[in-house]
N, C-alpha and C. Protein backbone atom coordinates (compact mmCIF):
# COMPACT_ATOMS: atom_id res chain seq x y z
N MET A 1 0.86 -1.17 0.00
CA MET A 1 0.00 0.00 0.00
C MET A 1 0.90 1.24 0.00
N ASN A 2 0.61 2.16 -0.91
CA ASN A 2 1.48 3.32 -0.99
C ASN A 2 1.16 4.31 0.14
N ILE A 3 2.14 5.14 0.44
CA ILE A 3 2.03 6.05 1.59
C ILE A 3 0.91 7.08 1.42
N GLN A 4 0.70 7.55 0.20
CA GLN A 4 -0.36 8.54 -0.03
C GLN A 4 -1.74 7.95 0.30
N PHE A 5 -2.00 6.73 -0.17
CA PHE A 5 -3.28 6.09 0.11
C PHE A 5 -3.41 5.76 1.59
N LYS A 6 -2.32 5.33 2.19
CA LYS A 6 -2.32 5.02 3.63
C LYS A 6 -2.65 6.27 4.44
N ASN A 7 -2.06 7.41 4.06
CA ASN A 7 -2.36 8.67 4.75
C ASN A 7 -3.82 9.08 4.56
N GLU A 8 -4.35 8.88 3.36
CA GLU A 8 -5.75 9.19 3.08
C GLU A 8 -6.67 8.34 3.98
N LEU A 9 -6.36 7.06 4.10
CA LEU A 9 -7.14 6.18 4.97
C LEU A 9 -7.03 6.61 6.43
N ASP A 10 -5.84 6.99 6.84
CA ASP A 10 -5.61 7.41 8.22
C ASP A 10 -6.48 8.62 8.57
N ILE A 11 -6.51 9.61 7.69
CA ILE A 11 -7.32 10.81 7.92
C ILE A 11 -8.80 10.43 7.97
N PHE A 12 -9.24 9.65 7.00
CA PHE A 12 -10.64 9.24 6.96
C PHE A 12 -11.04 8.48 8.21
N LEU A 13 -10.23 7.50 8.62
CA LEU A 13 -10.56 6.71 9.81
C LEU A 13 -10.53 7.55 11.08
N SER A 14 -9.61 8.49 11.17
CA SER A 14 -9.57 9.40 12.34
C SER A 14 -10.87 10.19 12.44
N GLN A 15 -11.36 10.68 11.30
CA GLN A 15 -12.62 11.43 11.28
C GLN A 15 -13.80 10.52 11.66
N GLU A 16 -13.80 9.30 11.14
CA GLU A 16 -14.88 8.37 11.45
C GLU A 16 -14.88 7.99 12.93
N ILE A 17 -13.69 7.85 13.51
CA ILE A 17 -13.59 7.53 14.94
C ILE A 17 -14.16 8.67 15.77
N GLU A 18 -13.83 9.90 15.42
CA GLU A 18 -14.35 11.05 16.16
C GLU A 18 -15.87 11.12 16.07
N LYS A 19 -16.42 10.91 14.87
CA LYS A 19 -17.88 10.91 14.71
C LYS A 19 -18.51 9.80 15.55
N ALA A 20 -17.91 8.62 15.50
CA ALA A 20 -18.44 7.48 16.25
C ALA A 20 -18.36 7.72 17.76
N LYS A 21 -17.26 8.34 18.21
CA LYS A 21 -17.12 8.66 19.65
C LYS A 21 -18.23 9.63 20.08
N ASN A 22 -18.47 10.65 19.26
CA ASN A 22 -19.53 11.61 19.59
C ASN A 22 -20.90 10.94 19.63
N ASN A 23 -21.16 10.08 18.65
CA ASN A 23 -22.44 9.36 18.64
C ASN A 23 -22.57 8.45 19.86
N ALA A 24 -21.47 7.77 20.22
CA ALA A 24 -21.50 6.89 21.38
C ALA A 24 -21.76 7.69 22.66
N LEU A 25 -21.13 8.84 22.76
CA LEU A 25 -21.33 9.69 23.94
C LEU A 25 -22.78 10.16 24.04
N LEU A 26 -23.33 10.61 22.91
CA LEU A 26 -24.72 11.08 22.90
C LEU A 26 -25.68 9.94 23.23
N THR A 27 -25.42 8.77 22.68
CA THR A 27 -26.28 7.62 22.92
C THR A 27 -26.21 7.20 24.39
N ASP A 28 -25.00 7.22 24.95
CA ASP A 28 -24.83 6.86 26.36
C ASP A 28 -25.55 7.87 27.25
N GLU A 29 -25.40 9.15 26.95
CA GLU A 29 -26.06 10.19 27.75
C GLU A 29 -27.58 10.04 27.67
N ALA A 30 -28.09 9.78 26.48
CA ALA A 30 -29.54 9.63 26.32
C ALA A 30 -30.06 8.45 27.11
N SER A 31 -29.29 7.38 27.20
CA SER A 31 -29.75 6.18 27.92
C SER A 31 -29.86 6.43 29.42
N LYS A 32 -29.16 7.40 29.93
CA LYS A 32 -29.17 7.69 31.37
C LYS A 32 -30.40 8.48 31.81
N PHE A 33 -31.08 9.12 30.85
CA PHE A 33 -32.20 9.99 31.21
C PHE A 33 -33.56 9.35 31.01
N ILE A 34 -33.59 8.09 30.68
CA ILE A 34 -34.88 7.42 30.52
C ILE A 34 -35.35 6.98 31.90
N VAL A 35 -36.55 7.40 32.26
CA VAL A 35 -37.13 7.04 33.54
C VAL A 35 -37.53 5.57 33.47
N THR A 36 -37.28 4.86 34.54
CA THR A 36 -37.55 3.43 34.51
C THR A 36 -38.86 3.09 35.20
N GLY A 37 -39.93 3.29 34.51
CA GLY A 37 -41.23 2.80 34.95
C GLY A 37 -41.52 1.53 34.18
N HIS A 38 -42.65 0.90 34.47
CA HIS A 38 -42.98 -0.35 33.78
C HIS A 38 -43.03 -0.16 32.28
N SER A 39 -43.62 0.92 31.82
CA SER A 39 -43.78 1.12 30.38
C SER A 39 -42.48 1.57 29.71
N GLN A 40 -41.53 2.06 30.50
CA GLN A 40 -40.29 2.55 29.91
C GLN A 40 -39.11 1.59 30.08
N ALA A 41 -39.32 0.46 30.69
CA ALA A 41 -38.22 -0.49 30.92
C ALA A 41 -37.62 -0.96 29.61
N GLY A 42 -38.46 -1.24 28.63
CA GLY A 42 -37.97 -1.67 27.31
C GLY A 42 -37.18 -0.57 26.64
N ASP A 43 -37.65 0.68 26.78
CA ASP A 43 -36.94 1.80 26.17
C ASP A 43 -35.55 1.94 26.76
N LYS A 44 -35.44 1.80 28.08
CA LYS A 44 -34.14 1.91 28.73
C LYS A 44 -33.22 0.77 28.28
N TYR A 45 -33.77 -0.44 28.22
CA TYR A 45 -32.98 -1.59 27.77
C TYR A 45 -32.42 -1.34 26.37
N HIS A 46 -33.28 -0.88 25.46
CA HIS A 46 -32.83 -0.63 24.08
C HIS A 46 -31.83 0.51 24.00
N ALA A 47 -32.01 1.54 24.81
CA ALA A 47 -31.08 2.66 24.82
C ALA A 47 -29.71 2.23 25.34
N GLU A 48 -29.69 1.40 26.38
CA GLU A 48 -28.42 0.90 26.91
C GLU A 48 -27.73 -0.02 25.91
N ALA A 49 -28.53 -0.85 25.22
CA ALA A 49 -27.95 -1.74 24.19
C ALA A 49 -27.37 -0.91 23.04
N ALA A 50 -28.06 0.16 22.67
CA ALA A 50 -27.56 1.03 21.60
C ALA A 50 -26.26 1.70 22.01
N ALA A 51 -26.16 2.10 23.27
CA ALA A 51 -24.93 2.72 23.78
C ALA A 51 -23.77 1.74 23.73
N LYS A 52 -24.02 0.47 24.11
CA LYS A 52 -22.96 -0.55 24.06
C LYS A 52 -22.55 -0.84 22.62
N LEU A 53 -23.52 -0.87 21.73
CA LEU A 53 -23.23 -1.10 20.32
C LEU A 53 -22.39 0.04 19.74
N ALA A 54 -22.71 1.27 20.12
CA ALA A 54 -21.95 2.43 19.66
C ALA A 54 -20.50 2.37 20.16
N GLU A 55 -20.32 1.97 21.40
CA GLU A 55 -18.97 1.83 21.96
C GLU A 55 -18.20 0.72 21.25
N SER A 56 -18.88 -0.36 20.92
CA SER A 56 -18.26 -1.47 20.21
C SER A 56 -17.81 -1.03 18.81
N TYR A 57 -18.61 -0.21 18.16
CA TYR A 57 -18.27 0.30 16.83
C TYR A 57 -17.01 1.17 16.89
N VAL A 58 -16.91 2.00 17.91
CA VAL A 58 -15.71 2.83 18.10
C VAL A 58 -14.49 1.93 18.26
N ALA A 59 -14.61 0.89 19.06
CA ALA A 59 -13.50 -0.04 19.28
C ALA A 59 -13.10 -0.72 17.97
N SER A 60 -14.07 -1.11 17.15
CA SER A 60 -13.78 -1.75 15.86
C SER A 60 -13.06 -0.79 14.92
N LEU A 61 -13.49 0.45 14.89
CA LEU A 61 -12.82 1.45 14.06
C LEU A 61 -11.38 1.67 14.51
N LYS A 62 -11.16 1.74 15.82
CA LYS A 62 -9.81 1.93 16.35
C LYS A 62 -8.91 0.74 15.99
N LYS A 63 -9.46 -0.46 16.06
CA LYS A 63 -8.70 -1.65 15.72
C LYS A 63 -8.31 -1.63 14.24
N LEU A 64 -9.23 -1.25 13.36
CA LEU A 64 -8.95 -1.15 11.94
C LEU A 64 -7.88 -0.08 11.67
N LYS A 65 -8.02 1.07 12.32
CA LYS A 65 -7.04 2.16 12.13
C LYS A 65 -5.65 1.70 12.58
N LYS A 66 -5.58 1.00 13.69
CA LYS A 66 -4.29 0.51 14.18
C LYS A 66 -3.68 -0.47 13.18
N GLU A 67 -4.50 -1.35 12.62
CA GLU A 67 -4.01 -2.31 11.64
C GLU A 67 -3.43 -1.59 10.41
N ILE A 68 -4.13 -0.56 9.96
CA ILE A 68 -3.65 0.19 8.79
C ILE A 68 -2.42 1.01 9.14
N ASP A 69 -2.41 1.62 10.33
CA ASP A 69 -1.23 2.40 10.76
C ASP A 69 0.03 1.53 10.82
N GLU A 70 -0.14 0.28 11.22
CA GLU A 70 1.01 -0.62 11.37
C GLU A 70 1.39 -1.34 10.08
N ALA A 71 0.59 -1.14 9.02
CA ALA A 71 0.87 -1.82 7.75
C ALA A 71 2.13 -1.27 7.11
N LYS A 72 2.83 -2.13 6.41
CA LYS A 72 4.04 -1.72 5.71
C LYS A 72 3.68 -0.88 4.49
N GLU A 73 4.50 0.09 4.22
CA GLU A 73 4.27 0.98 3.07
C GLU A 73 5.03 0.45 1.86
N ILE A 74 4.59 -0.72 1.41
CA ILE A 74 5.22 -1.36 0.25
C ILE A 74 4.13 -1.85 -0.69
N ILE A 75 4.51 -2.08 -1.91
CA ILE A 75 3.59 -2.70 -2.86
C ILE A 75 3.59 -4.19 -2.57
N MET A 76 2.43 -4.74 -2.33
CA MET A 76 2.31 -6.15 -2.00
C MET A 76 2.35 -6.98 -3.28
N GLU A 77 2.97 -8.14 -3.20
CA GLU A 77 2.99 -9.06 -4.33
C GLU A 77 1.89 -10.10 -4.20
N LYS A 78 1.51 -10.40 -2.98
CA LYS A 78 0.46 -11.38 -2.72
C LYS A 78 -0.62 -10.72 -1.87
N VAL A 79 -1.82 -11.28 -1.94
CA VAL A 79 -2.94 -10.77 -1.16
C VAL A 79 -2.71 -11.11 0.31
N GLU A 80 -2.44 -10.10 1.09
CA GLU A 80 -2.23 -10.20 2.54
C GLU A 80 -2.79 -8.94 3.18
N PRO A 81 -3.23 -9.04 4.45
CA PRO A 81 -3.62 -7.79 5.12
C PRO A 81 -2.39 -6.91 5.29
N VAL A 82 -2.33 -5.74 5.08
CA VAL A 82 -3.24 -4.76 4.54
C VAL A 82 -2.81 -4.50 3.10
N SER A 83 -3.69 -4.78 2.15
CA SER A 83 -3.38 -4.51 0.75
C SER A 83 -4.62 -4.02 0.03
N LYS A 84 -4.38 -3.26 -1.02
CA LYS A 84 -5.45 -2.73 -1.85
C LYS A 84 -5.59 -3.69 -3.03
N ILE A 85 -6.80 -4.17 -3.26
CA ILE A 85 -7.04 -5.25 -4.22
C ILE A 85 -8.08 -4.85 -5.25
N THR A 86 -7.89 -5.30 -6.47
CA THR A 86 -8.93 -5.24 -7.51
C THR A 86 -9.12 -6.66 -8.02
N ILE A 87 -10.38 -7.10 -8.03
CA ILE A 87 -10.69 -8.41 -8.58
C ILE A 87 -11.71 -8.23 -9.70
N GLY A 88 -11.70 -9.19 -10.60
CA GLY A 88 -12.69 -9.22 -11.66
C GLY A 88 -13.47 -10.51 -11.57
N TYR A 89 -14.79 -10.40 -11.50
CA TYR A 89 -15.63 -11.59 -11.47
C TYR A 89 -15.87 -12.09 -12.89
N GLU A 90 -16.30 -13.33 -13.02
CA GLU A 90 -16.54 -13.93 -14.33
C GLU A 90 -17.61 -13.20 -15.13
N ASP A 91 -18.53 -12.50 -14.44
CA ASP A 91 -19.57 -11.76 -15.16
C ASP A 91 -19.07 -10.42 -15.71
N GLY A 92 -17.78 -10.12 -15.49
CA GLY A 92 -17.19 -8.89 -15.99
C GLY A 92 -17.16 -7.74 -15.00
N SER A 93 -17.80 -7.90 -13.86
CA SER A 93 -17.80 -6.82 -12.87
C SER A 93 -16.46 -6.78 -12.13
N LEU A 94 -16.07 -5.57 -11.74
CA LEU A 94 -14.82 -5.35 -10.99
C LEU A 94 -15.16 -4.92 -9.57
N LEU A 95 -14.31 -5.27 -8.65
CA LEU A 95 -14.48 -4.87 -7.25
C LEU A 95 -13.14 -4.42 -6.71
N ASP A 96 -13.09 -3.19 -6.19
CA ASP A 96 -11.90 -2.64 -5.52
C ASP A 96 -12.18 -2.62 -4.03
N PHE A 97 -11.21 -3.06 -3.23
CA PHE A 97 -11.39 -3.06 -1.79
C PHE A 97 -10.03 -3.10 -1.09
N ILE A 98 -10.09 -2.92 0.22
CA ILE A 98 -8.90 -3.01 1.05
C ILE A 98 -9.03 -4.31 1.85
N PHE A 99 -8.03 -5.15 1.72
CA PHE A 99 -8.01 -6.47 2.36
C PHE A 99 -7.37 -6.31 3.73
N VAL A 100 -8.13 -6.63 4.79
CA VAL A 100 -7.68 -6.43 6.16
C VAL A 100 -8.08 -7.61 7.04
N SER A 101 -7.59 -7.61 8.26
CA SER A 101 -8.02 -8.60 9.25
C SER A 101 -9.24 -8.10 10.02
N SER A 102 -9.32 -6.79 10.23
CA SER A 102 -10.36 -6.19 11.08
C SER A 102 -11.32 -5.35 10.24
N ALA A 103 -12.14 -5.98 9.44
CA ALA A 103 -13.04 -5.24 8.55
C ALA A 103 -14.15 -4.54 9.33
N VAL A 104 -14.50 -3.34 8.86
CA VAL A 104 -15.60 -2.54 9.39
C VAL A 104 -16.37 -2.02 8.18
N SER A 105 -17.67 -1.92 8.32
CA SER A 105 -18.50 -1.42 7.22
C SER A 105 -18.52 0.11 7.24
N LEU A 106 -18.02 0.70 6.17
CA LEU A 106 -18.00 2.15 6.01
C LEU A 106 -18.49 2.50 4.61
N THR A 107 -18.90 3.74 4.41
CA THR A 107 -19.46 4.11 3.11
C THR A 107 -18.42 4.46 2.05
N LYS A 108 -17.33 5.06 2.42
CA LYS A 108 -16.37 5.54 1.43
C LYS A 108 -15.44 4.45 0.91
N TYR A 109 -15.07 3.51 1.76
CA TYR A 109 -14.15 2.44 1.39
C TYR A 109 -14.79 1.09 1.72
N LEU A 110 -14.43 0.11 0.92
CA LEU A 110 -14.89 -1.26 1.18
C LEU A 110 -13.72 -2.03 1.79
N PHE A 111 -13.94 -2.57 2.97
CA PHE A 111 -12.96 -3.39 3.65
C PHE A 111 -13.45 -4.83 3.64
N ILE A 112 -12.61 -5.75 3.19
CA ILE A 112 -12.94 -7.17 3.17
C ILE A 112 -12.01 -7.88 4.14
N SER A 113 -12.60 -8.68 5.01
CA SER A 113 -11.83 -9.42 6.01
C SER A 113 -11.18 -10.65 5.41
N ASP A 114 -10.03 -10.99 5.94
CA ASP A 114 -9.35 -12.22 5.53
C ASP A 114 -10.08 -13.46 6.01
N LYS A 115 -11.12 -13.29 6.84
CA LYS A 115 -11.90 -14.41 7.35
C LYS A 115 -13.21 -14.60 6.58
N SER A 116 -13.53 -13.69 5.67
CA SER A 116 -14.75 -13.78 4.87
C SER A 116 -14.57 -14.84 3.78
N PRO A 117 -15.66 -15.31 3.17
CA PRO A 117 -15.50 -16.28 2.08
C PRO A 117 -14.61 -15.76 0.95
N LEU A 118 -14.80 -14.51 0.55
CA LEU A 118 -13.93 -13.93 -0.49
C LEU A 118 -12.50 -13.85 0.02
N GLY A 119 -12.32 -13.35 1.23
CA GLY A 119 -10.99 -13.21 1.80
C GLY A 119 -10.23 -14.53 1.88
N LEU A 120 -10.92 -15.57 2.32
CA LEU A 120 -10.28 -16.88 2.41
C LEU A 120 -9.88 -17.42 1.03
N SER A 121 -10.67 -17.06 0.00
CA SER A 121 -10.39 -17.60 -1.34
C SER A 121 -9.25 -16.88 -2.05
N ILE A 122 -8.91 -15.67 -1.61
CA ILE A 122 -7.85 -14.92 -2.32
C ILE A 122 -6.57 -14.76 -1.50
N LYS A 123 -6.62 -15.01 -0.22
CA LYS A 123 -5.45 -14.80 0.64
C LYS A 123 -4.25 -15.60 0.12
N GLY A 124 -3.11 -14.91 -0.02
CA GLY A 124 -1.87 -15.54 -0.45
C GLY A 124 -1.71 -15.64 -1.96
N LYS A 125 -2.73 -15.23 -2.71
CA LYS A 125 -2.65 -15.31 -4.17
C LYS A 125 -2.07 -14.03 -4.74
N SER A 126 -1.63 -14.10 -6.00
CA SER A 126 -1.03 -12.97 -6.70
C SER A 126 -1.94 -12.51 -7.83
N ALA A 127 -1.63 -11.34 -8.36
CA ALA A 127 -2.36 -10.83 -9.53
C ALA A 127 -2.27 -11.85 -10.65
N GLY A 128 -3.41 -12.07 -11.33
CA GLY A 128 -3.48 -13.02 -12.42
C GLY A 128 -4.02 -14.38 -12.00
N GLU A 129 -4.02 -14.66 -10.70
CA GLU A 129 -4.52 -15.96 -10.22
C GLU A 129 -6.05 -15.93 -10.09
N SER A 130 -6.64 -17.08 -10.28
CA SER A 130 -8.09 -17.24 -10.18
C SER A 130 -8.50 -17.59 -8.75
N PHE A 131 -9.76 -17.35 -8.45
CA PHE A 131 -10.32 -17.69 -7.14
C PHE A 131 -11.77 -18.11 -7.33
N SER A 132 -12.30 -18.80 -6.34
CA SER A 132 -13.74 -19.09 -6.29
C SER A 132 -14.12 -19.33 -4.83
N TYR A 133 -15.37 -19.03 -4.54
CA TYR A 133 -15.89 -19.25 -3.20
C TYR A 133 -17.40 -19.43 -3.29
N PHE A 134 -17.97 -19.98 -2.23
CA PHE A 134 -19.40 -20.22 -2.18
C PHE A 134 -20.02 -19.40 -1.06
N VAL A 135 -21.25 -18.94 -1.30
CA VAL A 135 -22.02 -18.21 -0.30
C VAL A 135 -23.37 -18.89 -0.18
N ASP A 136 -23.82 -19.11 1.03
CA ASP A 136 -25.13 -19.72 1.27
C ASP A 136 -26.20 -18.65 1.09
N GLU A 137 -27.09 -18.87 0.15
CA GLU A 137 -28.20 -17.95 -0.09
C GLU A 137 -29.51 -18.69 0.04
N GLY A 138 -30.13 -18.60 1.21
CA GLY A 138 -31.41 -19.25 1.44
C GLY A 138 -31.36 -20.75 1.33
N GLY A 139 -30.32 -21.35 1.83
CA GLY A 139 -30.19 -22.79 1.80
C GLY A 139 -29.50 -23.34 0.56
N ALA A 140 -29.31 -22.48 -0.45
CA ALA A 140 -28.62 -22.92 -1.67
C ALA A 140 -27.24 -22.27 -1.70
N LYS A 141 -26.26 -23.02 -2.16
CA LYS A 141 -24.90 -22.49 -2.28
C LYS A 141 -24.74 -21.83 -3.64
N LYS A 142 -24.29 -20.57 -3.63
CA LYS A 142 -24.04 -19.84 -4.87
C LYS A 142 -22.53 -19.69 -5.03
N LYS A 143 -22.04 -20.02 -6.22
CA LYS A 143 -20.60 -19.96 -6.48
C LYS A 143 -20.25 -18.61 -7.12
N PHE A 144 -19.16 -18.02 -6.62
CA PHE A 144 -18.59 -16.81 -7.20
C PHE A 144 -17.15 -17.14 -7.60
N SER A 145 -16.75 -16.69 -8.76
CA SER A 145 -15.37 -16.93 -9.18
C SER A 145 -14.90 -15.81 -10.08
N GLY A 146 -13.59 -15.68 -10.16
CA GLY A 146 -12.99 -14.63 -10.97
C GLY A 146 -11.48 -14.69 -10.90
N LYS A 147 -10.89 -13.52 -11.14
CA LYS A 147 -9.43 -13.43 -11.19
C LYS A 147 -8.98 -12.17 -10.43
N ILE A 148 -7.83 -12.29 -9.81
CA ILE A 148 -7.24 -11.13 -9.13
C ILE A 148 -6.57 -10.27 -10.19
N ILE A 149 -6.97 -9.02 -10.26
CA ILE A 149 -6.45 -8.10 -11.26
C ILE A 149 -5.22 -7.35 -10.75
N ARG A 150 -5.33 -6.83 -9.53
CA ARG A 150 -4.24 -5.99 -9.00
C ARG A 150 -4.11 -6.19 -7.49
N VAL A 151 -2.87 -6.20 -7.03
CA VAL A 151 -2.54 -6.26 -5.60
C VAL A 151 -1.56 -5.13 -5.34
N GLU A 152 -1.89 -4.24 -4.42
CA GLU A 152 -0.98 -3.14 -4.05
C GLU A 152 -0.71 -3.17 -2.56
C-alpha cells in the first residue's frame, strides 16, 4: 500500500472515529435519562444496548485504524492484510477493496476481512490468479469466481 493512500485512509478513519465517539457519547447520555417505569423499561434496555453497540463500533474502528497504521508501506505481491485489491468476477464486474483482518463497514471504502468467504479464497494469491468461493443464499450455495487483477 502506498504512503499517499495510507495517509488518506488514516485521515478518513480518524474522522470516522471522532464521529463514532460523539455518537456513542450522545447515545450513552440519552440512555441515562430514561425514567424506569414499567412502560419505559424496554426503552431503557434498548437505549443501553444502543450505547454498548456504539462503543463497540468505536473499538472496531480503532482496531482497523491501528491495523492500517502498522501496515508496511510497500507494494504487496500477494494478497495479505493490509493490501489494496482489484478483482474481476466472471460476469465482468470489478471490485476494488482493502483487504484487512479487522473489517468494518463504512461508506467511502470497502474493507474485506481475511476471514470472509472472499478473503479466504484470495489470501496468499497474486495478480493473475483465479479464485472461487461459495455463499449460502437461502439454503442454496451460490458460487462466485474470478481473477485477481491488482494487488498493491
